Amino acid sequence: MERVESRVLINTGQGKGKSSAAFGVMSRAWARGWRVCVIQFVKSGKWKVGEKKLADHLGIEWNALGDGFTWESEDLVETAKLGAHAWEVAKGKILSGEYDMIIMDEITYAINYGWIPLEDVVSVINSRPKKTNLVLTGRNAPEALIEAADTVTEMRKVKHAFDHGIKARKGIEY
């Protein structure tokens, strides 16, 4: 595979920290003067997450295009449409060449649930503009996506507070 100037990173696995790691890279990219865009495939704008507050403060474009957790969806057909729409937005932004970094948070769910075609995602990754770096997050990254990436990190859960009935906390989980 011919390498371009940019990189593709994937944060996957069952452990916590996939999105948090991506947002750490977001901060680093912003600090280098890069134009950054975040596209969330599952999360909606209803959650007031700390990362969004930071992005707003820094002037980073933020698109929360999902409708929340799939297991809470009242209309899975609509949820799938939102996921497909998020991909169309992401694809347009990637191919525009206007961004130095695009983070596609929880895109693996949209792929694995069949909302967007894996082949299309891999094709866009491989044909992206030379300067456009990508960070993709989500559990169970498909092998073809892993093959298209430069760096893949698998987060492994050793222990999680949620398993012991401890709810998500502002500043830690969101």
C-alpha atoms as a PDB file:
ATOM      1  CA  MET A   1       0.000   0.000   0.000  1.00  0.00           C
ATOM      2  CA  GLU A   2       1.357   3.405  -0.966  1.00  0.00           C
ATOM      3  CA  ARG A   3       1.621   5.722   2.019  1.00  0.00           C
ATOM      4  CA  VAL A   4       0.568   9.339   1.918  1.00  0.00           C
ATOM      5  CA  GLU A   5       1.573  12.208   4.181  1.00  0.00           C
ATOM      6  CA  SER A   6      -1.407  11.674   6.491  1.00  0.00           C
ATOM      7  CA  ARG A   7      -2.231   8.843   8.871  1.00  0.00           C
ATOM      8  CA  VAL A   8      -5.215   6.665   9.696  1.00  0.00           C
ATOM      9  CA  LEU A   9      -5.603   5.671  13.346  1.00  0.00           C
ATOM     10  CA  ILE A  10      -8.160   3.245  14.748  1.00  0.00           C
ATOM     11  CA  ASN A  11      -9.066   2.894  18.413  1.00  0.00           C
ATOM     12  CA  THR A  12     -11.039  -0.318  18.904  1.00  0.00           C
ATOM     13  CA  GLY A  13     -11.637  -3.029  21.490  1.00  0.00           C
ATOM     14  CA  GLN A  14     -13.929  -3.690  24.443  1.00  0.00           C
ATOM     15  CA  GLY A  15     -12.178  -1.335  26.854  1.00  0.00           C
ATOM     16  CA  LYS A  16     -12.863   2.279  27.797  1.00  0.00           C
ATOM     17  CA  GLY A  17     -10.944   5.118  26.231  1.00  0.00           C
ATOM     18  CA  LYS A  18     -11.405   4.795  22.472  1.00  0.00           C
ATOM     19  CA  SER A  19     -13.119   8.151  22.014  1.00  0.00           C
ATOM     20  CA  SER A  20     -11.132   9.773  24.823  1.00  0.00           C
ATOM     21  CA  ALA A  21      -7.878   8.861  23.061  1.00  0.00           C
ATOM     22  CA  ALA A  22      -9.238  10.254  19.788  1.00  0.00           C
ATOM     23  CA  PHE A  23     -10.106  13.532  21.496  1.00  0.00           C
ATOM     24  CA  GLY A  24      -6.609  13.690  22.926  1.00  0.00           C
ATOM     25  CA  VAL A  25      -5.298  13.553  19.355  1.00  0.00           C
ATOM     26  CA  MET A  26      -7.924  16.184  18.436  1.00  0.00           C
ATOM     27  CA  SER A  27      -6.396  18.526  21.021  1.00  0.00           C
ATOM     28  CA  ARG A  28      -2.893  17.849  19.765  1.00  0.00           C
ATOM     29  CA  ALA A  29      -3.913  18.533  16.156  1.00  0.00           C
ATOM     30  CA  TRP A  30      -5.628  21.792  17.133  1.00  0.00           C
ATOM     31  CA  ALA A  31      -2.497  22.859  19.022  1.00  0.00           C
ATOM     32  CA  ARG A  32      -0.539  22.414  15.778  1.00  0.00           C
ATOM     33  CA  GLY A  33      -2.905  24.733  13.922  1.00  0.00           C
ATOM     34  CA  TRP A  34      -4.742  21.980  12.070  1.00  0.00           C
ATOM     35  CA  ARG A  35      -8.322  22.289  10.922  1.00  0.00           C
ATOM     36  CA  VAL A  36     -10.193  19.547  12.795  1.00  0.00           C
ATOM     37  CA  CYS A  37     -13.683  18.098  12.459  1.00  0.00           C
ATOM     38  CA  VAL A  38     -15.460  15.546  14.665  1.00  0.00           C
ATOM     39  CA  ILE A  39     -18.331  13.404  13.410  1.00  0.00           C
ATOM     40  CA  GLN A  40     -20.169  11.247  15.916  1.00  0.00           C
ATOM     41  CA  PHE A  41     -22.107   8.369  14.378  1.00  0.00           C
ATOM     42  CA  VAL A  42     -24.060   7.234  17.450  1.00  0.00           C
ATOM     43  CA  LYS A  43     -24.072  10.008  20.033  1.00  0.00           C
ATOM     44  CA  SER A  44     -26.606  12.774  19.674  1.00  0.00           C
ATOM     45  CA  GLY A  45     -26.347  16.415  20.603  1.00  0.00           C
ATOM     46  CA  LYS A  46     -28.572  15.742  23.637  1.00  0.00           C
ATOM     47  CA  TRP A  47     -25.623  14.701  25.793  1.00  0.00           C
ATOM     48  CA  LYS A  48     -23.656  17.662  27.095  1.00  0.00           C
ATOM     49  CA  VAL A  49     -20.238  16.025  26.860  1.00  0.00           C
ATOM     50  CA  GLY A  50     -17.055  17.715  28.020  1.00  0.00           C
ATOM     51  CA  GLU A  51     -15.281  17.058  24.730  1.00  0.00           C
ATOM     52  CA  LYS A  52     -17.908  19.068  22.855  1.00  0.00           C
ATOM     53  CA  LYS A  53     -17.519  21.931  25.328  1.00  0.00           C
ATOM     54  CA  LEU A  54     -13.757  21.874  24.706  1.00  0.00           C
ATOM     55  CA  ALA A  55     -14.264  21.695  20.928  1.00  0.00           C
ATOM     56  CA  ASP A  56     -16.623  24.680  21.022  1.00  0.00           C
ATOM     57  CA  HIS A  57     -14.100  26.639  23.072  1.00  0.00           C
ATOM     58  CA  LEU A  58     -11.343  25.816  20.566  1.00  0.00           C
ATOM     59  CA  GLY A  59     -13.454  26.412  17.457  1.00  0.00           C
ATOM     60  CA  ILE A  60     -13.374  22.765  16.364  1.00  0.00           C
ATOM     61  CA  GLU A  61     -16.265  21.684  14.168  1.00  0.00           C
ATOM     62  CA  TRP A  62     -18.455  19.128  15.989  1.00  0.00           C
ATOM     63  CA  ASN A  63     -21.210  17.033  14.399  1.00  0.00           C
ATOM     64  CA  ALA A  64     -23.198  14.737  16.737  1.00  0.00           C
ATOM     65  CA  LEU A  65     -25.387  13.093  14.101  1.00  0.00           C
ATOM     66  CA  GLY A  66     -26.754   9.993  15.827  1.00  0.00           C
ATOM     67  CA  ASP A  67     -29.759   9.645  18.087  1.00  0.00           C
ATOM     68  CA  GLY A  68     -28.096   7.993  21.055  1.00  0.00           C
ATOM     69  CA  PHE A  69     -27.382   4.433  22.073  1.00  0.00           C
ATOM     70  CA  THR A  70     -28.915   1.868  19.720  1.00  0.00           C
ATOM     71  CA  TRP A  71     -30.325  -0.159  22.595  1.00  0.00           C
ATOM     72  CA  GLU A  72     -32.360   2.907  23.589  1.00  0.00           C
ATOM     73  CA  SER A  73     -33.632   3.613  20.062  1.00  0.00           C
ATOM     74  CA  GLU A  74     -37.378   3.720  19.594  1.00  0.00           C
ATOM     75  CA  ASP A  75     -37.004   3.569  15.795  1.00  0.00           C
ATOM     76  CA  LEU A  76     -34.042   1.532  14.508  1.00  0.00           C
ATOM     77  CA  VAL A  77     -34.881   2.402  10.889  1.00  0.00           C
ATOM     78  CA  GLU A  78     -34.466   6.096  11.710  1.00  0.00           C
ATOM     79  CA  THR A  79     -31.306   5.338  13.709  1.00  0.00           C
ATOM     80  CA  ALA A  80     -29.861   3.557  10.646  1.00  0.00           C
ATOM     81  CA  LYS A  81     -30.780   6.510   8.405  1.00  0.00           C
ATOM     82  CA  LEU A  82     -28.970   8.873  10.778  1.00  0.00           C
ATOM     83  CA  GLY A  83     -25.887   6.631  10.685  1.00  0.00           C
ATOM     84  CA  ALA A  84     -25.961   6.570   6.867  1.00  0.00           C
ATOM     85  CA  HIS A  85     -26.362  10.353   6.820  1.00  0.00           C
ATOM     86  CA  ALA A  86     -23.375  10.725   9.175  1.00  0.00           C
ATOM     87  CA  TRP A  87     -21.286   8.743   6.684  1.00  0.00           C
ATOM     88  CA  GLU A  88     -22.363  10.991   3.793  1.00  0.00           C
ATOM     89  CA  VAL A  89     -21.344  14.026   5.861  1.00  0.00           C
ATOM     90  CA  ALA A  90     -18.021  12.403   6.787  1.00  0.00           C
ATOM     91  CA  LYS A  91     -17.304  11.329   3.214  1.00  0.00           C
ATOM     92  CA  GLY A  92     -17.952  14.828   1.906  1.00  0.00           C
ATOM     93  CA  LYS A  93     -15.685  16.384   4.502  1.00  0.00           C
ATOM     94  CA  ILE A  94     -12.901  13.846   3.899  1.00  0.00           C
ATOM     95  CA  LEU A  95     -12.942  14.241   0.122  1.00  0.00           C
ATOM     96  CA  SER A  96     -13.192  18.045   0.334  1.00  0.00           C
ATOM     97  CA  GLY A  97      -9.548  18.267   1.359  1.00  0.00           C
ATOM     98  CA  GLU A  98     -10.452  21.145   3.712  1.00  0.00           C
ATOM     99  CA  TYR A  99      -9.505  19.346   6.935  1.00  0.00           C
ATOM    100  CA  ASP A 100      -6.209  18.208   8.386  1.00  0.00           C
ATOM    101  CA  MET A 101      -7.943  15.774  10.749  1.00  0.00           C
ATOM    102  CA  ILE A 102     -11.354  14.166  10.835  1.00  0.00           C
ATOM    103  CA  ILE A 103     -12.436  12.050  13.776  1.00  0.00           C
ATOM    104  CA  MET A 104     -15.189   9.529  13.063  1.00  0.00           C
ATOM    105  CA  ASP A 105     -16.350   8.572  16.526  1.00  0.00           C
ATOM    106  CA  GLU A 106     -18.096   5.172  16.780  1.00  0.00           C
ATOM    107  CA  ILE A 107     -18.076   4.600  13.019  1.00  0.00           C
ATOM    108  CA  THR A 108     -17.484   0.865  13.494  1.00  0.00           C
ATOM    109  CA  TYR A 109     -21.026   0.478  14.832  1.00  0.00           C
ATOM    110  CA  ALA A 110     -22.478   2.026  11.677  1.00  0.00           C
ATOM    111  CA  ILE A 111     -20.396  -0.382   9.601  1.00  0.00           C
ATOM    112  CA  ASN A 112     -21.086  -3.489  11.691  1.00  0.00           C
ATOM    113  CA  TYR A 113     -24.838  -2.804  11.886  1.00  0.00           C
ATOM    114  CA  GLY A 114     -24.928  -2.552   8.071  1.00  0.00           C
ATOM    115  CA  TRP A 115     -25.877   1.132   7.968  1.00  0.00           C
ATOM    116  CA  ILE A 116     -22.905   1.991   5.747  1.00  0.00           C
ATOM    117  CA  PRO A 117     -20.894  -0.227   3.376  1.00  0.00           C
ATOM    118  CA  LEU A 118     -17.442  -1.213   4.621  1.00  0.00           C
ATOM    119  CA  GLU A 119     -16.116  -1.167   1.043  1.00  0.00           C
ATOM    120  CA  ASP A 120     -17.131   2.483   0.652  1.00  0.00           C
ATOM    121  CA  VAL A 121     -15.414   3.471   3.900  1.00  0.00           C
ATOM    122  CA  VAL A 122     -12.192   1.677   2.909  1.00  0.00           C
ATOM    123  CA  SER A 123     -12.308   3.232  -0.572  1.00  0.00           C
ATOM    124  CA  VAL A 124     -12.677   6.751   0.845  1.00  0.00           C
ATOM    125  CA  ILE A 125      -9.883   6.126   3.351  1.00  0.00           C
ATOM    126  CA  ASN A 126      -7.583   4.982   0.556  1.00  0.00           C
ATOM    127  CA  SER A 127      -8.464   7.894  -1.736  1.00  0.00           C
ATOM    128  CA  ARG A 128      -8.411  10.696   0.856  1.00  0.00           C
ATOM    129  CA  PRO A 129      -6.405  13.854   0.173  1.00  0.00           C
ATOM    130  CA  LYS A 130      -2.740  13.609   1.177  1.00  0.00           C
ATOM    131  CA  LYS A 131      -3.049  15.952   4.165  1.00  0.00           C
ATOM    132  CA  THR A 132      -6.256  14.498   5.637  1.00  0.00           C
ATOM    133  CA  ASN A 133      -5.564  12.445   8.766  1.00  0.00           C
ATOM    134  CA  LEU A 134      -8.346  10.195  10.068  1.00  0.00           C
ATOM    135  CA  VAL A 135      -9.139   8.769  13.489  1.00  0.00           C
ATOM    136  CA  LEU A 136     -11.833   6.099  13.689  1.00  0.00           C
ATOM    137  CA  THR A 137     -13.263   4.669  16.896  1.00  0.00           C
ATOM    138  CA  GLY A 138     -15.553   1.862  17.986  1.00  0.00           C
ATOM    139  CA  ARG A 139     -15.619  -1.767  19.020  1.00  0.00           C
ATOM    140  CA  ASN A 140     -15.026  -4.665  16.641  1.00  0.00           C
ATOM    141  CA  ALA A 141     -13.215  -2.842  13.837  1.00  0.00           C
ATOM    142  CA  PRO A 142     -13.576  -4.998  10.705  1.00  0.00           C
ATOM    143  CA  GLU A 143     -10.402  -6.566   9.320  1.00  0.00           C
ATOM    144  CA  ALA A 144     -10.591  -4.545   6.069  1.00  0.00           C
ATOM    145  CA  LEU A 145     -10.678  -1.338   8.118  1.00  0.00           C
ATOM    146  CA  ILE A 146      -7.687  -2.503  10.157  1.00  0.00           C
ATOM    147  CA  GLU A 147      -5.813  -3.255   6.919  1.00  0.00           C
ATOM    148  CA  ALA A 148      -6.477   0.291   5.659  1.00  0.00           C
ATOM    149  CA  ALA A 149      -5.124   1.884   8.862  1.00  0.00           C
ATOM    150  CA  ASP A 150      -1.579   2.860   9.755  1.00  0.00           C
ATOM    151  CA  THR A 151      -1.990   2.471  13.516  1.00  0.00           C
ATOM    152  CA  VAL A 152      -4.549   0.355  15.348  1.00  0.00           C
ATOM    153  CA  THR A 153      -4.884   0.317  19.122  1.00  0.00           C
ATOM    154  CA  GLU A 154      -7.078  -2.187  20.885  1.00  0.00           C
ATOM    155  CA  MET A 155      -8.401  -1.094  24.264  1.00  0.00           C
ATOM    156  CA  ARG A 156      -8.826  -4.117  26.543  1.00  0.00           C
ATOM    157  CA  LYS A 157     -11.134  -3.940  29.511  1.00  0.00           C
ATOM    158  CA  VAL A 158      -9.537  -5.228  32.687  1.00  0.00           C
ATOM    159  CA  LYS A 159     -12.100  -3.734  35.074  1.00  0.00           C
ATOM    160  CA  HIS A 160     -14.838  -1.114  34.695  1.00  0.00           C
ATOM    161  CA  ALA A 161     -16.808   0.751  37.354  1.00  0.00           C
ATOM    162  CA  PHE A 162     -20.039   0.302  35.369  1.00  0.00           C
ATOM    163  CA  ASP A 163     -19.802  -3.476  35.894  1.00  0.00           C
ATOM    164  CA  HIS A 164     -20.101  -2.778  39.621  1.00  0.00           C
ATOM    165  CA  GLY A 165     -23.160  -0.540  39.332  1.00  0.00           C
ATOM    166  CA  ILE A 166     -21.246   2.742  39.331  1.00  0.00           C
ATOM    167  CA  LYS A 167     -22.810   5.180  36.863  1.00  0.00           C
ATOM    168  CA  ALA A 168     -20.971   7.356  34.335  1.00  0.00           C
ATOM    169  CA  ARG A 169     -19.514  10.523  35.830  1.00  0.00           C
ATOM    170  CA  LYS A 170     -19.066  13.968  34.289  1.00  0.00           C
ATOM    171  CA  GLY A 171     -15.402  14.659  33.751  1.00  0.00           C
ATOM    172  CA  ILE A 172     -14.515  10.956  33.575  1.00  0.00           C
ATOM    173  CA  GLU A 173     -16.869   9.263  31.092  1.00  0.00           C
ATOM    174  CA  TYR A 174     -18.342  12.359  29.471  1.00  0.00           C
END
